[in-house]
Amino acid sequence: MENVYDIRQYLKKFGTIIYTKDPIGDLHLMAEDLQELYKAGILPIRDYQVARHILRIEETRIKRQRGDF
């Protein structure tokens, strides 16, 4: 996984499609789903860590763009 699009595509494989019209809310929901996949032993630790890092970077970018940061 290299970007948020890749994470969305990965989650889609498990039937998860997230769109709430709130980009930060979407990121939080994706993080929760990734955590559940990791806890279930489906998502390897390294992939989980990379995906969470990508989501944190994207959240920071959105907040800066909005002026929330």
PDB file of N, CA and C in Angstrom:
ATOM      1  N   MET A   1       0.836  -1.174   0.000  1.00  0.00           N
ATOM      2  CA  MET A   1       0.000   0.000   0.000  1.00  0.00           C
ATOM      3  C   MET A   1       0.885   1.242   0.000  1.00  0.00           C
ATOM      4  N   GLU A   2       0.524   2.151  -0.892  1.00  0.00           N
ATOM      5  CA  GLU A   2       1.328   3.357  -1.009  1.00  0.00           C
ATOM      6  C   GLU A   2       0.540   4.638  -0.806  1.00  0.00           C
ATOM      7  N   ASN A   3      -0.786   4.567  -0.864  1.00  0.00           N
ATOM      8  CA  ASN A   3      -1.599   5.767  -0.704  1.00  0.00           C
ATOM      9  C   ASN A   3      -3.005   5.386  -0.236  1.00  0.00           C
ATOM     10  N   VAL A   4      -3.826   6.405   0.007  1.00  0.00           N
ATOM     11  CA  VAL A   4      -5.175   6.166   0.524  1.00  0.00           C
ATOM     12  C   VAL A   4      -5.998   5.365  -0.479  1.00  0.00           C
ATOM     13  N   TYR A   5      -5.807   5.612  -1.748  1.00  0.00           N
ATOM     14  CA  TYR A   5      -6.531   4.846  -2.774  1.00  0.00           C
ATOM     15  C   TYR A   5      -6.235   3.345  -2.626  1.00  0.00           C
ATOM     16  N   ASP A   6      -4.973   3.002  -2.424  1.00  0.00           N
ATOM     17  CA  ASP A   6      -4.597   1.592  -2.246  1.00  0.00           C
ATOM     18  C   ASP A   6      -5.283   0.992  -1.019  1.00  0.00           C
ATOM     19  N   ILE A   7      -5.382   1.776   0.046  1.00  0.00           N
ATOM     20  CA  ILE A   7      -6.044   1.286   1.259  1.00  0.00           C
ATOM     21  C   ILE A   7      -7.526   1.051   0.981  1.00  0.00           C
ATOM     22  N   ARG A   8      -8.163   1.992   0.276  1.00  0.00           N
ATOM     23  CA  ARG A   8      -9.578   1.819  -0.085  1.00  0.00           C
ATOM     24  C   ARG A   8      -9.778   0.555  -0.919  1.00  0.00           C
ATOM     25  N   GLN A   9      -8.895   0.325  -1.866  1.00  0.00           N
ATOM     26  CA  GLN A   9      -9.005  -0.869  -2.716  1.00  0.00           C
ATOM     27  C   GLN A   9      -8.800  -2.144  -1.902  1.00  0.00           C
ATOM     28  N   TYR A  10      -7.880  -2.101  -0.960  1.00  0.00           N
ATOM     29  CA  TYR A  10      -7.644  -3.263  -0.097  1.00  0.00           C
ATOM     30  C   TYR A  10      -8.896  -3.569   0.727  1.00  0.00           C
ATOM     31  N   LEU A  11      -9.467  -2.530   1.337  1.00  0.00           N
ATOM     32  CA  LEU A  11     -10.668  -2.728   2.151  1.00  0.00           C
ATOM     33  C   LEU A  11     -11.854  -3.193   1.314  1.00  0.00           C
ATOM     34  N   LYS A  12     -11.896  -2.750   0.080  1.00  0.00           N
ATOM     35  CA  LYS A  12     -12.991  -3.148  -0.819  1.00  0.00           C
ATOM     36  C   LYS A  12     -12.992  -4.658  -1.044  1.00  0.00           C
ATOM     37  N   LYS A  13     -11.819  -5.277  -0.999  1.00  0.00           N
ATOM     38  CA  LYS A  13     -11.725  -6.736  -1.151  1.00  0.00           C
ATOM     39  C   LYS A  13     -12.519  -7.470  -0.076  1.00  0.00           C
ATOM     40  N   PHE A  14     -12.722  -6.800   1.051  1.00  0.00           N
ATOM     41  CA  PHE A  14     -13.450  -7.393   2.161  1.00  0.00           C
ATOM     42  C   PHE A  14     -14.874  -6.846   2.262  1.00  0.00           C
ATOM     43  N   GLY A  15     -15.292  -6.155   1.219  1.00  0.00           N
ATOM     44  CA  GLY A  15     -16.659  -5.638   1.176  1.00  0.00           C
ATOM     45  C   GLY A  15     -16.847  -4.324   1.897  1.00  0.00           C
ATOM     46  N   THR A  16     -15.765  -3.640   2.205  1.00  0.00           N
ATOM     47  CA  THR A  16     -15.856  -2.376   2.929  1.00  0.00           C
ATOM     48  C   THR A  16     -15.687  -1.211   1.977  1.00  0.00           C
ATOM     49  N   ILE A  17     -16.725  -0.402   1.885  1.00  0.00           N
ATOM     50  CA  ILE A  17     -16.676   0.826   1.101  1.00  0.00           C
ATOM     51  C   ILE A  17     -17.042   1.957   2.049  1.00  0.00           C
ATOM     52  N   ILE A  18     -16.130   2.901   2.207  1.00  0.00           N
ATOM     53  CA  ILE A  18     -16.326   3.982   3.170  1.00  0.00           C
ATOM     54  C   ILE A  18     -16.419   5.313   2.430  1.00  0.00           C
ATOM     55  N   TYR A  19     -17.539   5.995   2.633  1.00  0.00           N
ATOM     56  CA  TYR A  19     -17.696   7.349   2.118  1.00  0.00           C
ATOM     57  C   TYR A  19     -18.749   8.053   2.955  1.00  0.00           C
ATOM     58  N   THR A  20     -18.319   9.017   3.762  1.00  0.00           N
ATOM     59  CA  THR A  20     -19.231   9.722   4.662  1.00  0.00           C
ATOM     60  C   THR A  20     -19.339  11.209   4.353  1.00  0.00           C
ATOM     61  N   LYS A  21     -18.702  11.670   3.309  1.00  0.00           N
ATOM     62  CA  LYS A  21     -18.603  13.091   2.960  1.00  0.00           C
ATOM     63  C   LYS A  21     -17.732  13.867   3.942  1.00  0.00           C
ATOM     64  N   ASP A  22     -17.134  13.173   4.881  1.00  0.00           N
ATOM     65  CA  ASP A  22     -16.196  13.774   5.824  1.00  0.00           C
ATOM     66  C   ASP A  22     -14.865  13.043   5.655  1.00  0.00           C
ATOM     67  N   PRO A  23     -13.914  13.651   4.960  1.00  0.00           N
ATOM     68  CA  PRO A  23     -12.659  12.953   4.670  1.00  0.00           C
ATOM     69  C   PRO A  23     -11.933  12.440   5.916  1.00  0.00           C
ATOM     70  N   ILE A  24     -11.924  13.220   6.982  1.00  0.00           N
ATOM     71  CA  ILE A  24     -11.242  12.775   8.194  1.00  0.00           C
ATOM     72  C   ILE A  24     -12.020  11.636   8.837  1.00  0.00           C
ATOM     73  N   GLY A  25     -13.326  11.721   8.822  1.00  0.00           N
ATOM     74  CA  GLY A  25     -14.145  10.624   9.332  1.00  0.00           C
ATOM     75  C   GLY A  25     -13.907   9.345   8.551  1.00  0.00           C
ATOM     76  N   ASP A  26     -13.766   9.487   7.232  1.00  0.00           N
ATOM     77  CA  ASP A  26     -13.462   8.331   6.388  1.00  0.00           C
ATOM     78  C   ASP A  26     -12.141   7.688   6.804  1.00  0.00           C
ATOM     79  N   LEU A  27     -11.145   8.526   7.062  1.00  0.00           N
ATOM     80  CA  LEU A  27      -9.832   8.007   7.457  1.00  0.00           C
ATOM     81  C   LEU A  27      -9.921   7.254   8.778  1.00  0.00           C
ATOM     82  N   HIS A  28     -10.706   7.785   9.712  1.00  0.00           N
ATOM     83  CA  HIS A  28     -10.855   7.122  11.008  1.00  0.00           C
ATOM     84  C   HIS A  28     -11.564   5.772  10.861  1.00  0.00           C
ATOM     85  N   LEU A  29     -12.584   5.727  10.011  1.00  0.00           N
ATOM     86  CA  LEU A  29     -13.287   4.461   9.778  1.00  0.00           C
ATOM     87  C   LEU A  29     -12.369   3.438   9.111  1.00  0.00           C
ATOM     88  N   MET A  30     -11.558   3.908   8.157  1.00  0.00           N
ATOM     89  CA  MET A  30     -10.604   3.000   7.514  1.00  0.00           C
ATOM     90  C   MET A  30      -9.614   2.458   8.542  1.00  0.00           C
ATOM     91  N   ALA A  31      -9.153   3.323   9.443  1.00  0.00           N
ATOM     92  CA  ALA A  31      -8.210   2.895  10.476  1.00  0.00           C
ATOM     93  C   ALA A  31      -8.841   1.820  11.366  1.00  0.00           C
ATOM     94  N   GLU A  32     -10.118   2.001  11.715  1.00  0.00           N
ATOM     95  CA  GLU A  32     -10.808   1.003  12.546  1.00  0.00           C
ATOM     96  C   GLU A  32     -10.909  -0.334  11.807  1.00  0.00           C
ATOM     97  N   ASP A  33     -11.267  -0.283  10.536  1.00  0.00           N
ATOM     98  CA  ASP A  33     -11.388  -1.529   9.763  1.00  0.00           C
ATOM     99  C   ASP A  33     -10.040  -2.222   9.613  1.00  0.00           C
ATOM    100  N   LEU A  34      -8.990  -1.443   9.388  1.00  0.00           N
ATOM    101  CA  LEU A  34      -7.655  -2.028   9.290  1.00  0.00           C
ATOM    102  C   LEU A  34      -7.262  -2.693  10.605  1.00  0.00           C
ATOM    103  N   GLN A  35      -7.593  -2.044  11.708  1.00  0.00           N
ATOM    104  CA  GLN A  35      -7.270  -2.614  13.019  1.00  0.00           C
ATOM    105  C   GLN A  35      -7.991  -3.941  13.219  1.00  0.00           C
ATOM    106  N   GLU A  36      -9.242  -4.004  12.817  1.00  0.00           N
ATOM    107  CA  GLU A  36      -9.998  -5.253  12.943  1.00  0.00           C
ATOM    108  C   GLU A  36      -9.388  -6.366  12.077  1.00  0.00           C
ATOM    109  N   LEU A  37      -8.964  -6.008  10.868  1.00  0.00           N
ATOM    110  CA  LEU A  37      -8.328  -7.000   9.992  1.00  0.00           C
ATOM    111  C   LEU A  37      -7.001  -7.472  10.591  1.00  0.00           C
ATOM    112  N   TYR A  38      -6.269  -6.552  11.194  1.00  0.00           N
ATOM    113  CA  TYR A  38      -5.009  -6.919  11.843  1.00  0.00           C
ATOM    114  C   TYR A  38      -5.267  -7.845  13.033  1.00  0.00           C
ATOM    115  N   LYS A  39      -6.227  -7.468  13.875  1.00  0.00           N
ATOM    116  CA  LYS A  39      -6.547  -8.286  15.047  1.00  0.00           C
ATOM    117  C   LYS A  39      -7.026  -9.683  14.659  1.00  0.00           C
ATOM    118  N   ALA A  40      -7.701  -9.770  13.505  1.00  0.00           N
ATOM    119  CA  ALA A  40      -8.207 -11.068  13.032  1.00  0.00           C
ATOM    120  C   ALA A  40      -7.103 -11.906  12.385  1.00  0.00           C
ATOM    121  N   GLY A  41      -5.913 -11.327  12.248  1.00  0.00           N
ATOM    122  CA  GLY A  41      -4.803 -12.062  11.656  1.00  0.00           C
ATOM    123  C   GLY A  41      -4.813 -12.072  10.142  1.00  0.00           C
ATOM    124  N   ILE A  42      -5.621 -11.226   9.548  1.00  0.00           N
ATOM    125  CA  ILE A  42      -5.724 -11.166   8.089  1.00  0.00           C
ATOM    126  C   ILE A  42      -4.679 -10.213   7.504  1.00  0.00           C
ATOM    127  N   LEU A  43      -4.434  -9.121   8.206  1.00  0.00           N
ATOM    128  CA  LEU A  43      -3.504  -8.092   7.741  1.00  0.00           C
ATOM    129  C   LEU A  43      -2.186  -8.214   8.508  1.00  0.00           C
ATOM    130  N   PRO A  44      -1.076  -8.454   7.811  1.00  0.00           N
ATOM    131  CA  PRO A  44       0.228  -8.560   8.486  1.00  0.00           C
ATOM    132  C   PRO A  44       0.603  -7.250   9.191  1.00  0.00           C
ATOM    133  N   ILE A  45       1.371  -7.353  10.252  1.00  0.00           N
ATOM    134  CA  ILE A  45       1.749  -6.195  11.070  1.00  0.00           C
ATOM    135  C   ILE A  45       2.393  -5.095  10.243  1.00  0.00           C
ATOM    136  N   ARG A  46       3.291  -5.449   9.353  1.00  0.00           N
ATOM    137  CA  ARG A  46       3.992  -4.421   8.567  1.00  0.00           C
ATOM    138  C   ARG A  46       3.017  -3.668   7.659  1.00  0.00           C
ATOM    139  N   ASP A  47       2.115  -4.379   7.021  1.00  0.00           N
ATOM    140  CA  ASP A  47       1.117  -3.727   6.172  1.00  0.00           C
ATOM    141  C   ASP A  47       0.202  -2.834   7.006  1.00  0.00           C
ATOM    142  N   TYR A  48      -0.149  -3.289   8.188  1.00  0.00           N
ATOM    143  CA  TYR A  48      -0.988  -2.500   9.094  1.00  0.00           C
ATOM    144  C   TYR A  48      -0.270  -1.199   9.476  1.00  0.00           C
ATOM    145  N   GLN A  49       0.992  -1.308   9.828  1.00  0.00           N
ATOM    146  CA  GLN A  49       1.763  -0.130  10.223  1.00  0.00           C
ATOM    147  C   GLN A  49       1.890   0.869   9.086  1.00  0.00           C
ATOM    148  N   VAL A  50       2.173   0.375   7.893  1.00  0.00           N
ATOM    149  CA  VAL A  50       2.310   1.248   6.719  1.00  0.00           C
ATOM    150  C   VAL A  50       0.987   1.946   6.427  1.00  0.00           C
ATOM    151  N   ALA A  51      -0.094   1.199   6.457  1.00  0.00           N
ATOM    152  CA  ALA A  51      -1.409   1.769   6.169  1.00  0.00           C
ATOM    153  C   ALA A  51      -1.786   2.832   7.197  1.00  0.00           C
ATOM    154  N   ARG A  52      -1.547   2.562   8.473  1.00  0.00           N
ATOM    155  CA  ARG A  52      -1.865   3.548   9.515  1.00  0.00           C
ATOM    156  C   ARG A  52      -1.027   4.803   9.331  1.00  0.00           C
ATOM    157  N   HIS A  53       0.227   4.635   8.944  1.00  0.00           N
ATOM    158  CA  HIS A  53       1.099   5.783   8.695  1.00  0.00           C
ATOM    159  C   HIS A  53       0.552   6.632   7.544  1.00  0.00           C
ATOM    160  N   ILE A  54       0.146   5.988   6.479  1.00  0.00           N
ATOM    161  CA  ILE A  54      -0.431   6.698   5.330  1.00  0.00           C
ATOM    162  C   ILE A  54      -1.672   7.479   5.763  1.00  0.00           C
ATOM    163  N   LEU A  55      -2.523   6.858   6.570  1.00  0.00           N
ATOM    164  CA  LEU A  55      -3.740   7.531   7.026  1.00  0.00           C
ATOM    165  C   LEU A  55      -3.424   8.733   7.913  1.00  0.00           C
ATOM    166  N   ARG A  56      -2.421   8.611   8.786  1.00  0.00           N
ATOM    167  CA  ARG A  56      -2.038   9.738   9.639  1.00  0.00           C
ATOM    168  C   ARG A  56      -1.494  10.895   8.813  1.00  0.00           C
ATOM    169  N   ILE A  57      -0.680  10.587   7.821  1.00  0.00           N
ATOM    170  CA  ILE A  57      -0.131  11.629   6.953  1.00  0.00           C
ATOM    171  C   ILE A  57      -1.265  12.343   6.207  1.00  0.00           C
ATOM    172  N   GLU A  58      -2.207  11.576   5.695  1.00  0.00           N
ATOM    173  CA  GLU A  58      -3.335  12.159   4.963  1.00  0.00           C
ATOM    174  C   GLU A  58      -4.198  13.021   5.885  1.00  0.00           C
ATOM    175  N   GLU A  59      -4.416  12.575   7.100  1.00  0.00           N
ATOM    176  CA  GLU A  59      -5.204  13.366   8.046  1.00  0.00           C
ATOM    177  C   GLU A  59      -4.515  14.702   8.329  1.00  0.00           C
ATOM    178  N   THR A  60      -3.216  14.672   8.534  1.00  0.00           N
ATOM    179  CA  THR A  60      -2.457  15.895   8.768  1.00  0.00           C
ATOM    180  C   THR A  60      -2.552  16.822   7.564  1.00  0.00           C
ATOM    181  N   ARG A  61      -2.449  16.273   6.362  1.00  0.00           N
ATOM    182  CA  ARG A  61      -2.532  17.079   5.141  1.00  0.00           C
ATOM    183  C   ARG A  61      -3.893  17.766   5.040  1.00  0.00           C
ATOM    184  N   ILE A  62      -4.952  17.033   5.322  1.00  0.00           N
ATOM    185  CA  ILE A  62      -6.303  17.590   5.236  1.00  0.00           C
ATOM    186  C   ILE A  62      -6.495  18.684   6.287  1.00  0.00           C
ATOM    187  N   LYS A  63      -6.035  18.433   7.495  1.00  0.00           N
ATOM    188  CA  LYS A  63      -6.181  19.427   8.561  1.00  0.00           C
ATOM    189  C   LYS A  63      -5.415  20.708   8.236  1.00  0.00           C
ATOM    190  N   ARG A  64      -4.226  20.561   7.692  1.00  0.00           N
ATOM    191  CA  ARG A  64      -3.451  21.748   7.306  1.00  0.00           C
ATOM    192  C   ARG A  64      -4.142  22.510   6.188  1.00  0.00           C
ATOM    193  N   GLN A  65      -4.696  21.775   5.249  1.00  0.00           N
ATOM    194  CA  GLN A  65      -5.397  22.390   4.122  1.00  0.00           C
ATOM    195  C   GLN A  65      -6.621  23.162   4.609  1.00  0.00           C
ATOM    196  N   ARG A  66      -7.313  22.622   5.603  1.00  0.00           N
ATOM    197  CA  ARG A  66      -8.498  23.270   6.178  1.00  0.00           C
ATOM    198  C   ARG A  66      -8.132  24.396   7.132  1.00  0.00           C
ATOM    199  N   GLY A  67      -6.899  24.386   7.614  1.00  0.00           N
ATOM    200  CA  GLY A  67      -6.480  25.363   8.601  1.00  0.00           C
ATOM    201  C   GLY A  67      -6.781  24.930  10.017  1.00  0.00           C
ATOM    202  N   ASP A  68      -7.067  23.636  10.203  1.00  0.00           N
ATOM    203  CA  ASP A  68      -7.375  23.099  11.525  1.00  0.00           C
ATOM    204  C   ASP A  68      -6.125  22.812  12.346  1.00  0.00           C
ATOM    205  N   PHE A  69      -4.985  22.886  11.730  1.00  0.00           N
ATOM    206  CA  PHE A  69      -3.756  22.473  12.391  1.00  0.00           C
ATOM    207  C   PHE A  69      -2.877  23.635  12.681  1.00  0.00           C
TER     208      PHE A  69
END
